[in-house]
Protein backbone atom coordinates (compact mmCIF):
# COMPACT_ATOMS: atom_id res chain seq x y z
CA MET A 1 -10.66 8.70 3.96
CA GLN A 2 -14.33 7.88 4.87
CA PHE A 3 -16.99 10.52 5.63
CA PRO A 4 -20.74 11.07 5.56
CA LEU A 5 -22.03 12.03 2.16
CA ASP A 6 -24.49 14.56 3.71
CA LEU A 7 -21.76 16.22 5.76
CA PHE A 8 -18.78 16.04 3.44
CA GLU A 9 -18.00 19.69 3.77
CA GLN A 10 -16.98 19.23 7.37
CA TYR A 11 -14.29 16.70 6.57
CA ILE A 12 -12.46 18.39 3.68
CA ASP A 13 -9.80 21.08 3.65
CA GLU A 14 -11.40 24.53 3.22
CA THR A 15 -9.29 25.55 0.23
CA ILE A 16 -10.02 22.29 -1.63
CA LEU A 17 -13.73 22.74 -0.73
CA LYS A 18 -13.83 26.18 -2.31
CA ARG A 19 -12.10 25.10 -5.47
CA GLY A 20 -14.29 22.06 -5.84
CA LEU A 21 -17.41 24.28 -5.41
CA SER A 22 -16.04 26.65 -8.04
CA TYR A 23 -15.52 23.67 -10.39
CA PHE A 24 -19.10 22.55 -9.80
CA LYS A 25 -20.60 25.97 -10.38
CA LYS A 26 -18.68 26.44 -13.59
CA GLY A 27 -20.13 23.10 -14.84
CA HIS A 28 -16.90 21.16 -15.07
CA VAL A 29 -18.68 17.91 -13.96
CA ILE A 30 -19.79 16.64 -17.35
CA SER A 31 -21.15 13.18 -16.39
CA LEU A 32 -22.06 11.12 -13.39
CA ASP A 33 -22.98 7.46 -13.58
CA GLU A 34 -23.95 4.91 -11.01
CA ILE A 35 -22.15 1.80 -12.21
CA THR A 36 -23.69 -0.60 -9.72
CA HIS A 37 -25.65 0.33 -6.61
CA GLY A 38 -23.47 2.64 -4.49
CA GLU A 39 -20.56 2.63 -6.94
CA TYR A 40 -20.12 5.87 -9.02
CA GLU A 41 -17.96 7.25 -11.92
CA ALA A 42 -17.82 10.83 -13.01
CA ASN A 43 -15.91 12.82 -15.60
CA VAL A 44 -14.68 16.24 -14.56
CA ILE A 45 -12.96 18.81 -16.91
CA GLY A 46 -9.89 20.41 -15.44
CA THR A 47 -6.41 20.82 -16.95
CA ASP A 48 -7.27 17.51 -18.57
CA GLU A 49 -10.31 15.32 -18.28
CA TYR A 50 -10.21 13.33 -15.11
CA LEU A 51 -12.14 10.23 -13.96
CA VAL A 52 -13.48 10.34 -10.37
CA LYS A 53 -14.65 7.09 -8.73
CA PHE A 54 -16.14 6.53 -5.38
CA LYS A 55 -18.32 4.16 -3.35
CA VAL A 56 -21.21 5.07 -1.08
CA LYS A 57 -22.50 2.71 1.59
CA ASN A 58 -25.25 3.72 4.03
CA ARG A 59 -24.82 7.41 2.98
CA ASN A 60 -21.13 7.15 3.78
CA VAL A 61 -18.38 7.69 1.18
CA ILE A 62 -16.11 4.71 1.87
CA GLU A 63 -13.75 4.94 -1.05
CA ASN A 64 -12.70 7.66 -3.54
CA SER A 65 -10.12 8.14 -6.23
CA CYS A 66 -9.34 10.50 -9.05
CA THR A 67 -6.98 10.22 -11.95
CA CYS A 68 -5.59 13.71 -11.38
CA PRO A 69 -2.02 14.12 -10.08
CA TYR A 70 -3.11 15.86 -6.80
CA ASP A 71 -1.22 14.19 -3.90
CA PHE A 72 -1.53 16.65 -0.99
CA GLY A 73 -4.49 14.94 0.59
CA SER A 74 -7.03 12.17 0.12
CA VAL A 75 -9.77 14.32 -1.59
CA CYS A 76 -9.04 16.59 -4.56
CA LYS A 77 -11.15 19.44 -5.98
CA HIS A 78 -12.45 17.19 -8.79
CA THR A 79 -13.90 14.78 -6.24
CA VAL A 80 -15.35 17.71 -4.21
CA ALA A 81 -17.03 19.01 -7.43
CA VAL A 82 -18.69 15.65 -7.90
CA LEU A 83 -19.81 15.56 -4.37
CA PHE A 84 -21.45 19.01 -4.74
CA TYR A 85 -22.96 17.76 -7.98
CA MET A 86 -24.54 14.79 -6.16
CA GLN A 87 -25.80 16.96 -3.28
CA GLN A 88 -26.83 20.08 -5.41
CA GLU A 89 -30.58 19.69 -4.61
CA GLU A 90 -30.02 19.10 -0.90
CA LEU A 91 -27.74 22.13 -0.73
CA GLY A 92 -29.81 24.33 -2.94
CA LEU A 93 -27.10 24.74 -5.51
CA LYS A 94 -26.96 24.82 -9.27
CA PRO A 95 -24.14 25.24 -11.84
CA VAL A 96 -23.63 28.61 -13.45
CA ASN A 97 -22.46 27.04 -16.68
CA LYS A 98 -25.10 24.52 -17.93
CA GLU A 99 -23.35 23.68 -21.18
CA HIS A 100 -21.57 20.62 -19.60
CA SER A 101 -23.43 20.04 -16.32
CA LYS A 102 -27.15 18.98 -16.42
CA LYS A 103 -29.49 19.18 -13.55
CA LYS A 104 -29.63 16.07 -11.48
CA PRO A 105 -32.87 14.29 -12.34
CA LYS A 106 -35.45 13.88 -9.59
CA THR A 107 -36.39 10.35 -10.69
CA LYS A 108 -34.13 7.51 -9.71
CA LYS A 109 -31.79 6.87 -12.64
CA LYS A 110 -31.03 3.26 -13.50
CA THR A 111 -27.42 2.06 -12.78
CA VAL A 112 -25.11 1.36 -15.67
CA SER A 113 -25.23 -2.29 -14.88
CA GLU A 114 -29.10 -2.21 -15.12
CA GLN A 115 -28.98 -0.26 -18.34
CA VAL A 116 -26.54 -2.68 -19.83
CA ASP A 117 -28.65 -5.71 -18.80
CA GLU A 118 -31.71 -4.08 -20.31
CA ILE A 119 -30.00 -3.42 -23.64
CA LEU A 120 -28.52 -6.92 -23.80
CA ASP A 121 -31.93 -8.41 -23.24
CA LYS A 122 -33.23 -6.57 -26.33
CA LEU A 123 -30.24 -6.85 -28.66
CA SER A 124 -30.30 -9.59 -31.26
CA HIS A 125 -27.43 -12.00 -31.56
CA ASP A 126 -26.29 -10.46 -34.92
CA GLU A 127 -26.52 -6.82 -33.63
CA LEU A 128 -24.23 -7.79 -30.70
CA LYS A 129 -21.78 -9.62 -32.87
CA LYS A 130 -21.45 -6.73 -35.29
CA PHE A 131 -20.93 -4.27 -32.43
CA LEU A 132 -18.25 -6.35 -30.76
CA LYS A 133 -16.44 -6.96 -34.05
CA GLU A 134 -16.36 -3.19 -34.91
CA LEU A 135 -15.20 -2.32 -31.49
CA SER A 136 -12.51 -5.03 -31.48
CA LEU A 137 -11.14 -3.68 -34.82
CA SER A 138 -11.22 -0.04 -33.76
CA ASP A 139 -10.13 -0.14 -30.13
CA PRO A 140 -6.77 -1.91 -29.39
CA SER A 141 -7.43 -1.90 -25.66
CA PHE A 142 -10.80 -3.57 -25.99
CA ARG A 143 -9.46 -6.02 -28.55
CA ARG A 144 -6.63 -7.27 -26.18
CA SER A 145 -9.23 -7.68 -23.41
CA PHE A 146 -11.72 -9.52 -25.68
CA LEU A 147 -9.14 -11.89 -27.15
CA ALA A 148 -7.59 -12.57 -23.62
CA ASN A 149 -11.03 -13.57 -22.25
CA PHE A 150 -12.30 -15.72 -25.03
CA MET A 151 -9.66 -16.90 -27.44
CA TYR A 152 -9.08 -20.06 -25.23
CA LYS A 153 -12.47 -21.28 -26.35
CA PHE A 154 -11.38 -21.63 -29.99
CA THR A 155 -7.59 -21.81 -30.00
CA ALA A 156 -5.27 -24.39 -28.63
CA GLU A 157 -4.29 -22.42 -25.52
CA SER A 158 -0.70 -22.07 -24.41
CA GLN A 159 1.74 -19.75 -22.71
CA ALA A 160 3.00 -18.72 -26.24
CA LEU A 161 -0.53 -17.55 -27.19
CA TYR A 162 -0.49 -14.96 -24.34
CA SER A 163 3.15 -14.14 -24.71
CA GLN A 164 2.54 -13.07 -28.34
CA GLN A 165 -0.14 -10.58 -27.15
CA ILE A 166 2.00 -9.17 -24.38
CA LYS A 167 4.91 -8.79 -26.82
CA ALA A 168 2.61 -6.74 -29.00
CA ILE A 169 1.73 -4.40 -26.07
CA LEU A 170 5.49 -3.83 -25.44
CA LYS A 171 6.29 -3.34 -29.06
CA ASN A 172 3.55 -0.80 -29.55
CA ALA A 173 4.87 1.26 -26.50
CA MET A 174 8.45 1.40 -27.76
CA GLY A 175 9.96 4.59 -29.26
CA ARG A 176 12.27 4.70 -32.17
CA ASP A 177 15.13 3.72 -30.01
CA ARG A 178 13.40 0.39 -29.22
CA TYR A 179 13.01 1.54 -25.64
CA ILE A 180 9.92 2.16 -23.46
CA GLN A 181 10.25 5.46 -21.68
CA TRP A 182 8.91 6.03 -18.12
CA SER A 183 6.00 8.00 -19.34
CA ARG A 184 4.62 5.03 -21.28
CA VAL A 185 5.35 2.26 -18.83
CA ALA A 186 2.29 2.87 -16.70
CA SER A 187 -0.03 2.32 -19.68
CA VAL A 188 1.90 -0.90 -20.46
CA GLY A 189 1.49 -2.00 -16.80
CA HIS A 190 -2.26 -1.31 -16.92
CA ALA A 191 -2.81 -3.15 -20.18
CA VAL A 192 -0.83 -6.17 -18.98
CA TYR A 193 -2.65 -6.29 -15.62
CA GLY A 194 -5.82 -6.78 -17.67
CA PHE A 195 -4.45 -10.20 -18.55
CA LEU A 196 -3.88 -10.97 -14.82
CA GLU A 197 -7.48 -9.90 -14.06
CA THR A 198 -8.53 -12.47 -16.68
CA ALA A 199 -6.34 -15.02 -14.95
CA MET A 200 -8.00 -14.36 -11.57
CA LYS A 201 -11.41 -14.98 -13.17
CA ARG A 202 -10.20 -18.20 -14.72
CA GLU A 203 -8.84 -19.31 -11.32
CA GLU A 204 -12.24 -18.49 -9.74
CA ASP A 205 -13.96 -20.57 -12.47
CA GLY A 206 -11.68 -23.42 -11.91
CA ASN A 207 -9.87 -23.07 -15.29
CA TYR A 208 -6.47 -23.38 -13.61
CA MET A 209 -4.51 -24.26 -16.71
CA SER A 210 -5.64 -21.13 -18.52
CA ALA A 211 -4.78 -18.98 -15.54
CA ILE A 212 -1.30 -20.65 -15.38
CA TYR A 213 -0.57 -19.95 -19.04
CA ILE A 214 -1.45 -16.26 -18.58
CA CYS A 215 0.66 -15.84 -15.44
CA GLU A 216 3.60 -17.60 -16.96
CA ALA A 217 3.45 -15.26 -20.05
CA VAL A 218 3.11 -12.25 -17.93
CA ALA A 219 5.93 -13.18 -15.59
CA GLU A 220 8.45 -14.09 -18.35
CA GLU A 221 7.63 -11.25 -20.78
CA MET A 222 7.64 -8.57 -18.05
CA PHE A 223 10.87 -9.90 -16.74
CA LYS A 224 12.46 -9.47 -20.21
CA ALA A 225 10.98 -6.07 -20.33
CA PHE A 226 13.27 -4.83 -17.62
CA GLU A 227 15.97 -4.62 -20.23
CA ILE A 228 13.86 -2.36 -22.57
CA ALA A 229 11.87 -0.16 -20.15
CA ASP A 230 12.20 2.33 -17.38
CA ASP A 231 10.44 0.75 -14.54
CA SER A 232 10.97 3.50 -11.99
CA ASP A 233 7.39 3.28 -10.71
CA GLY A 234 7.37 -0.47 -10.42
CA ASP A 235 4.57 -1.18 -13.01
CA ILE A 236 6.55 -4.04 -14.55
CA GLY A 237 7.76 -5.60 -11.39
CA GLY A 238 4.30 -5.16 -9.85
CA ASN A 239 2.75 -7.29 -12.60
CA ILE A 240 5.38 -10.04 -12.10
CA ASP A 241 4.60 -10.00 -8.37
CA ALA A 242 0.93 -10.31 -9.07
CA ALA A 243 1.45 -13.13 -11.49
CA PHE A 244 3.53 -15.21 -8.93
CA ASP A 245 0.84 -14.45 -6.26
CA ILE A 246 -1.79 -16.02 -8.40
CA LEU A 247 0.45 -18.98 -9.18
CA GLY A 248 1.04 -19.33 -5.51
CA ASP A 249 -2.72 -19.36 -4.75
CA ILE A 250 -3.20 -22.02 -7.49
CA SER A 251 -0.50 -24.13 -6.13
CA ARG A 252 -2.40 -24.45 -2.78
CA LYS A 253 -5.59 -25.69 -4.36
CA ASP A 254 -6.80 -29.18 -4.95
CA LEU A 255 -5.76 -29.43 -8.60
CA PRO A 256 -6.37 -32.01 -11.39
CA GLU A 257 -3.28 -34.13 -11.58
CA GLU A 258 -2.33 -32.97 -15.08
CA VAL A 259 -2.47 -29.32 -13.97
CA ARG A 260 -0.52 -30.00 -10.80
CA LEU A 261 2.16 -31.93 -12.62
CA TYR A 262 2.43 -29.37 -15.29
CA LEU A 263 2.91 -26.41 -12.90
CA PHE A 264 5.34 -28.45 -10.83
CA GLU A 265 7.49 -29.28 -13.90
CA GLN A 266 7.36 -25.71 -15.10
CA CYS A 267 8.63 -24.38 -11.75
CA LYS A 268 11.49 -26.87 -11.78
CA ASN A 269 12.42 -26.20 -15.42
CA ASN A 270 12.47 -22.44 -15.01
CA TYR A 271 14.48 -22.67 -11.84
CA GLN A 272 17.04 -24.93 -13.56
CA LYS A 273 17.21 -22.56 -16.53
CA GLY A 274 17.57 -19.56 -14.26
CA THR A 275 14.79 -17.68 -15.87
CA PHE A 276 14.50 -15.33 -12.86
CA THR A 277 18.05 -15.56 -11.55
CA GLY A 278 19.07 -12.63 -9.44
CA TRP A 279 15.61 -11.93 -8.11
CA ASP A 280 13.42 -13.27 -5.29
CA TRP A 281 11.08 -14.84 -7.99
CA HIS A 282 13.84 -17.38 -8.65
CA LEU A 283 13.36 -18.82 -5.14
CA THR A 284 9.54 -18.33 -5.34
CA LEU A 285 9.55 -20.96 -8.01
CA MET A 286 10.77 -23.53 -5.47
CA ASP A 287 8.23 -22.38 -2.90
CA ILE A 288 5.45 -23.06 -5.48
CA ALA A 289 7.03 -26.36 -6.38
CA ALA A 290 7.15 -27.35 -2.66
CA ASN A 291 3.38 -26.65 -2.36
CA LEU A 292 2.84 -28.96 -5.29
CA ALA A 293 5.00 -31.92 -4.38
CA VAL A 294 3.02 -34.97 -3.30
CA SER A 295 5.60 -37.77 -3.11
CA GLU A 296 8.95 -38.50 -1.68
CA LYS A 297 10.43 -38.51 -5.17
CA GLU A 298 9.04 -35.04 -5.96
CA ALA A 299 10.05 -33.77 -2.50
CA GLY A 300 13.54 -35.10 -3.13
CA ALA A 301 13.71 -33.31 -6.47
CA VAL A 302 12.85 -29.95 -4.70
CA PHE A 303 15.43 -30.67 -1.99
CA SER A 304 18.13 -31.38 -4.59
CA LEU A 305 17.44 -28.13 -6.40
CA LEU A 306 17.46 -26.19 -3.19
CA GLU A 307 20.88 -27.59 -2.33
CA ILE A 308 22.50 -25.87 -5.47
CA ILE A 309 21.18 -22.42 -4.74
CA GLY A 310 23.70 -19.82 -3.48
CA GLY A 311 22.94 -16.42 -2.32
CA SER A 312 22.36 -14.12 0.68
CA GLU A 313 21.60 -15.03 4.23
CA TYR A 314 17.91 -14.19 3.49
CA TYR A 315 18.00 -16.80 0.74
CA GLU A 316 19.40 -19.36 3.12
CA GLN A 317 16.71 -18.61 5.68
CA GLU A 318 14.00 -18.96 2.99
CA ILE A 319 15.45 -22.27 1.89
CA VAL A 320 15.17 -23.61 5.42
CA ARG A 321 11.54 -22.40 5.62
CA ILE A 322 10.65 -24.13 2.39
CA LYS A 323 12.32 -27.36 3.46
CA TYR A 324 10.60 -27.34 6.85
CA SER A 325 7.14 -26.86 5.17
CA LEU A 326 7.84 -29.58 2.63
CA LEU A 327 8.99 -32.04 5.31
CA ARG A 328 6.11 -31.41 7.53
CA ARG A 329 3.59 -32.09 4.70
CA ILE A 330 5.37 -35.12 3.16
CA ARG A 331 7.09 -36.81 6.10
CA GLY A 332 5.06 -35.58 9.04
CA GLU A 333 5.46 -33.37 12.23
CA ASN A 334 8.23 -35.49 13.89
CA GLU A 335 10.58 -35.28 10.88
CA ALA A 336 9.88 -31.59 10.58
CA GLU A 337 10.65 -30.94 14.14
CA LYS A 338 13.90 -32.85 14.04
CA PHE A 339 14.89 -30.62 11.04
CA ALA A 340 13.73 -27.48 12.82
CA GLU A 341 15.70 -28.14 15.89
CA GLN A 342 18.81 -28.34 13.92
CA ASN A 343 18.03 -24.98 12.23
CA LEU A 344 16.89 -22.76 15.05
CA ASP A 345 19.10 -19.97 13.74
CA ASN A 346 16.27 -19.52 11.32
CA PRO A 347 14.00 -16.84 12.85
CA ASP A 348 10.78 -18.33 11.38
CA LEU A 349 11.48 -21.66 12.90
CA ARG A 350 12.44 -20.22 16.27
CA ARG A 351 9.21 -18.24 16.35
CA LYS A 352 7.23 -21.34 15.59
CA PHE A 353 8.97 -23.33 18.38
CA ILE A 354 8.57 -20.57 20.94
CA ASP A 355 4.87 -20.23 20.08
CA LYS A 356 4.46 -23.99 20.31
CA ALA A 357 6.20 -24.22 23.70
CA MET A 358 3.96 -21.38 25.01
CA LYS A 359 0.76 -23.12 23.89
CA GLU A 360 1.85 -26.32 25.55
CA LYS A 361 2.63 -24.28 28.76
CA LYS A 362 6.34 -25.34 28.55
CA PHE A 363 7.48 -21.93 29.65
CA ASP A 364 11.00 -22.90 30.61
CA LYS A 365 11.59 -24.18 27.09
CA ALA A 366 10.05 -21.08 25.53
CA ILE A 367 12.37 -18.84 27.83
CA SER A 368 15.34 -20.88 26.77
CA LEU A 369 14.59 -20.57 23.04
CA ALA A 370 14.03 -16.78 23.35
CA SER A 371 17.21 -16.30 25.47
CA ASP A 372 19.25 -18.31 23.02
CA GLY A 373 17.93 -16.18 20.22
CA ILE A 374 19.07 -13.01 22.07
CA ASP A 375 22.50 -14.51 22.51
CA GLN A 376 22.79 -15.43 18.86
CA ASP A 377 21.44 -12.07 17.40
CA LEU A 378 22.15 -9.24 19.78
CA LYS A 379 25.55 -8.33 18.30
CA ASN A 380 24.79 -8.51 14.59
CA LYS A 381 20.89 -8.37 14.48
CA PRO A 382 19.83 -6.13 17.31
CA GLY A 383 16.33 -5.63 15.93
CA LEU A 384 15.72 -9.45 15.79
CA ALA A 385 17.14 -9.64 19.39
CA MET A 386 14.52 -7.11 20.48
CA GLU A 387 11.87 -9.47 19.11
CA TRP A 388 13.23 -12.31 21.28
CA TYR A 389 12.95 -9.84 24.31
CA ASP A 390 9.37 -9.23 23.24
CA TRP A 391 8.72 -12.99 23.33
CA LEU A 392 10.14 -12.99 27.00
CA LEU A 393 7.70 -10.31 27.82
CA ARG A 394 4.82 -12.42 26.34
CA ILE A 395 5.95 -15.37 28.32
CA SER A 396 6.14 -13.31 31.50
CA LEU A 397 2.52 -11.95 30.86
CA GLU A 398 1.34 -15.61 30.52
CA GLN A 399 3.13 -16.55 33.77
CA LYS A 400 1.79 -13.18 35.45
CA ASP A 401 5.35 -12.57 36.63
CA LYS A 402 5.01 -8.91 37.52
CA PRO A 403 8.71 -7.95 38.11
CA LYS A 404 9.76 -9.57 34.80
CA ILE A 405 6.82 -7.89 32.95
CA ILE A 406 7.87 -4.42 34.23
CA GLU A 407 11.55 -5.21 33.41
CA TYR A 408 10.98 -6.32 29.77
CA ALA A 409 8.23 -3.78 29.01
CA ARG A 410 10.40 -0.99 30.27
CA PHE A 411 13.36 -2.15 28.38
CA LEU A 412 11.36 -2.52 25.11
CA PHE A 413 9.68 0.87 25.59
CA ILE A 414 12.99 2.65 26.15
CA ASP A 415 14.50 0.89 23.11
CA GLY A 416 11.59 2.11 21.02
CA PHE A 417 10.98 -1.44 19.57
CA ARG A 418 7.95 -1.27 17.29
CA HIS A 419 5.65 -4.31 17.75
CA ASP A 420 2.03 -4.99 18.20
CA GLN A 421 2.21 -4.66 21.95
CA ASP A 422 1.58 -1.40 23.83
CA TYR A 423 4.61 -1.36 26.24
CA TYR A 424 3.64 1.87 27.86
CA GLY A 425 0.06 0.52 28.47
CA ILE A 426 1.49 -2.66 29.91
CA LEU A 427 3.67 -0.68 32.30
CA LYS A 428 0.80 1.54 33.40
CA LYS A 429 -1.42 -1.56 34.09
CA HIS A 430 1.29 -3.23 36.27
CA ILE A 431 2.65 -0.33 38.31
CA ALA A 432 0.76 1.11 41.23
CA GLU A 433 -0.98 4.53 40.63
CA SER A 434 0.79 6.06 43.57
CA GLU A 435 4.21 5.20 41.85
CA TRP A 436 3.29 5.94 38.31
CA THR A 437 4.23 9.60 38.04
CA ASN A 438 7.76 9.05 39.51
CA PHE A 439 8.18 6.05 37.25
CA VAL A 440 7.19 8.08 34.19
CA GLU A 441 9.58 10.84 35.13
CA GLY A 442 12.31 8.28 35.35
CA LEU A 443 11.54 7.09 31.85
CA ILE A 444 11.62 10.70 30.57
CA LYS A 445 14.93 11.37 32.26
CA GLU A 446 16.57 8.30 30.73
CA LEU A 447 15.19 8.98 27.33
CA SER A 448 16.38 12.58 27.52
CA SER A 449 19.92 11.42 28.05
CA PHE A 450 19.89 9.88 24.46
CA LYS A 451 20.22 11.99 21.31
CA GLY A 452 18.13 11.67 18.18
CA TRP A 453 14.65 12.26 16.86
CA SER A 454 13.40 8.76 17.67
CA ARG A 455 14.00 9.28 21.44
CA MET A 456 12.26 12.69 21.37
CA ASN A 457 9.43 10.93 19.57
CA VAL A 458 9.04 8.43 22.44
CA ILE A 459 8.96 11.33 24.95
CA ALA A 460 6.33 13.05 22.83
CA LYS A 461 4.19 9.96 22.95
CA ILE A 462 4.42 9.97 26.76
CA PHE A 463 3.25 13.54 26.89
CA ILE A 464 0.41 12.72 24.46
CA THR A 465 -0.74 9.74 26.50
CA GLU A 466 -0.58 11.68 29.71
CA GLN A 467 -2.17 14.72 27.94
CA TRP A 468 0.77 16.92 29.11
CA TRP A 469 0.13 19.47 26.38
CA GLU A 470 2.28 22.25 27.71
CA ARG A 471 5.30 19.95 27.97
CA LEU A 472 4.65 18.60 24.43
CA LEU A 473 4.66 22.26 23.16
CA LYS A 474 7.87 22.97 24.93
CA LEU A 475 9.49 19.83 23.52
CA ILE A 476 8.67 21.03 20.04
CA THR A 477 9.74 24.63 20.74
CA ASP A 478 13.12 23.57 22.23
CA ASP A 479 13.98 21.67 19.10
CA PRO A 480 11.73 22.91 16.25
CA SER A 481 11.44 21.42 12.79
CA LEU A 482 8.74 21.49 10.26
CA HIS A 483 8.40 17.75 10.35
CA LYS A 484 8.02 17.71 14.17
CA ILE A 485 5.52 20.59 14.21
CA GLN A 486 3.37 18.85 11.54
CA SER A 487 3.58 15.59 13.45
CA TYR A 488 2.01 17.03 16.56
CA GLU A 489 -0.02 19.87 15.35
CA SER A 490 -3.34 17.96 15.66
CA TYR A 491 -2.75 17.57 19.46
CA LEU A 492 -1.94 21.26 20.10
CA ALA A 493 -3.91 23.16 17.52
CA ASP A 494 -6.91 23.86 19.77
CA LYS A 495 -4.93 25.07 22.70
CA TYR A 496 -1.90 26.75 21.05
CA PRO A 497 -2.79 27.91 17.58
CA LYS A 498 -0.76 31.17 17.84
CA GLU A 499 2.31 29.42 19.14
CA LEU A 500 2.19 26.78 16.39
CA ALA A 501 1.77 29.36 13.78
CA LEU A 502 4.85 31.23 14.90
CA LEU A 503 6.76 27.98 14.96
CA TYR A 504 5.63 27.31 11.38
CA GLU A 505 6.66 30.87 10.37
CA LYS A 506 10.09 30.45 11.71
CA GLY A 507 10.44 26.99 10.01
CA VAL A 508 9.12 28.04 6.59
CA LEU A 509 11.53 31.07 6.58
CA GLY A 510 14.37 28.81 7.08
CA PHE A 511 13.07 26.28 4.63
CA MET A 512 12.73 28.94 1.87
CA GLU A 513 16.45 29.86 2.20
CA ARG A 514 17.20 26.30 0.95
CA ALA A 515 14.28 25.79 -1.44
CA SER A 516 15.16 25.51 -5.11
CA ASP A 517 12.49 23.83 -7.16
CA ARG A 518 8.66 23.56 -7.49
CA GLY A 519 8.53 20.60 -5.13
CA HIS A 520 10.08 22.71 -2.35
CA TYR A 521 7.76 25.62 -3.14
CA LYS A 522 4.71 23.37 -2.93
CA ASP A 523 5.93 22.16 0.44
CA ALA A 524 6.32 25.69 1.66
CA CYS A 525 2.89 26.71 0.44
CA ARG A 526 1.36 23.74 2.26
CA ILE A 527 2.91 25.12 5.44
CA LEU A 528 1.36 28.53 4.73
CA ARG A 529 -2.05 26.86 4.29
CA ARG A 530 -1.59 25.11 7.66
CA MET A 531 -0.96 28.55 9.24
CA ILE A 532 -4.14 29.95 7.76
CA LYS A 533 -6.10 27.07 9.28
CA LEU A 534 -4.49 28.03 12.67
CA GLY A 535 -5.89 31.57 12.21
CA ALA A 536 -2.75 33.24 11.09
CA ARG A 537 -3.99 34.67 7.80
CA ASP A 538 -2.31 38.12 8.36
CA ARG A 539 1.07 36.55 9.10
CA VAL A 540 0.74 34.40 5.90
CA ASN A 541 -0.12 37.47 3.85
CA SER A 542 3.00 39.11 5.18
CA LEU A 543 5.08 36.08 4.31
CA VAL A 544 3.64 35.85 0.76
CA GLU A 545 4.44 39.44 0.18
CA LYS A 546 7.97 38.90 1.63
CA PHE A 547 8.65 35.98 -0.71
CA ARG A 548 7.32 37.93 -3.70
CA LYS A 549 9.81 40.72 -3.03
CA GLU A 550 12.77 38.43 -2.24
CA TYR A 551 12.33 35.86 -5.03
CA PRO A 552 10.57 37.73 -7.94
CA ARG A 553 12.38 35.68 -10.58
CA ARG A 554 11.23 32.34 -9.26
CA VAL A 555 8.31 31.77 -11.62
CA ALA A 556 7.27 28.48 -10.15
CA LEU A 557 7.24 30.00 -6.69
CA MET A 558 4.98 32.84 -7.82
CA ASP A 559 2.72 30.29 -9.36
CA GLU A 560 2.48 28.25 -6.17
CA LEU A 561 1.95 31.43 -4.03
CA ASP A 562 -0.99 32.30 -6.27
CA LYS A 563 -2.71 29.21 -4.97
CA VAL A 564 -2.29 30.00 -1.25
């Protein structure tokens, strides 16, 4: 969410705005620092101490985040409190509790970066050494970062060096049962990602071997950690993905021969050992090796290894893609095209050939390729078949074939195929204005004959595009659901606030009959807050009273109702 700093109150939910103002006035903002120009960090006291970060460019807040668990919107009360803190002089505000919150100074304060530079300029070498040593001994997080960044200058660097440090992180996070519970996995993921940040810096500096060692260690140790940790949130898998992304980037660079050969052999060896068997990373090793191969011999080694892989249809398609890319680079365009023509059941290759035929204005060939794809995929892969229809539409647009354009665009719009083309807009552009209304009514009639939310969603989009607001309201009223009301509230709120509030009321009453936990209660209270914004405060008060009487023993519900 981006918004002007001077007008932030106009872009934030009223309830969150009030709570943030209360936090500011009570002095909960205990620090605010400008890290670099336009980049800020603040500490805010709440249930816990939270870190708020945001960036300001041209007096616009372009990024913001907070470490609190709030997930009902893009701006929480802690962030709002900091915004009020920043704008306190402009708004004529001051905190009631001055114990934590100090008045914003009138003079321009130096950024943290400028303060650090100034201190470093004045510190002696011995003073800095003493400070870094003491901090390294007392702060494990800083120690790991310090060693990861500089140990390579004094120690024979290797994958094992970094593996040892990552193992220490995992060991420290284990409980007595030698298992890392979900609650501690995030901190492990954060600590390990610090190594990957170091690897990215090494890559930028051209120290590719060091970056490779770090990524290898992260990928292998995190993969082993799947057996001893609850990775429900993907912190461990995310680090493995990031490590392979860095290795992939490195494989596409102009590397020193010893580095290229090392990474090539490591990919082959890990593939043969099955280090990542059962996961996509196993095949990614061959993708990276294919990027690194520079001779017929090395290309042949990759081809041989790819022949022994077994797996899903997806794997087979990926193997064809890797082979095509390798052939094109090592043996040239002609050899690659011969291979591709024999493997057009691979969607990536079919796309390449259709696109190539279109660029060469060989429209008959492009139509044939797309039509063959439809025949091949319509029965078992209807979504892929729709993509080939989309290619037929593109070809028709290139040829300016109006009847075919209307035929394909209508078919794809009715189907609801999601692509980067605006099928409705294409239809409107190619159908005469005098015929348009009747054409649209025909679309609506056909769509109405189908069942399902997706079809109704397409009809709703028609009403929105044509600005038929009364018909959109009726569509929702005839088949109401909280999800549907929320989806289209923004289009109808100005014209039909009372009607929407009544629909919400009916929906939330039905929802509460099935609600059973705090998550459900939060969802219900979120609907109540929407009703308040629609001007139905009295009806919300009545609902709150009703819920208090009907469910007095639901402590979590009472707690959430207090926040409405």
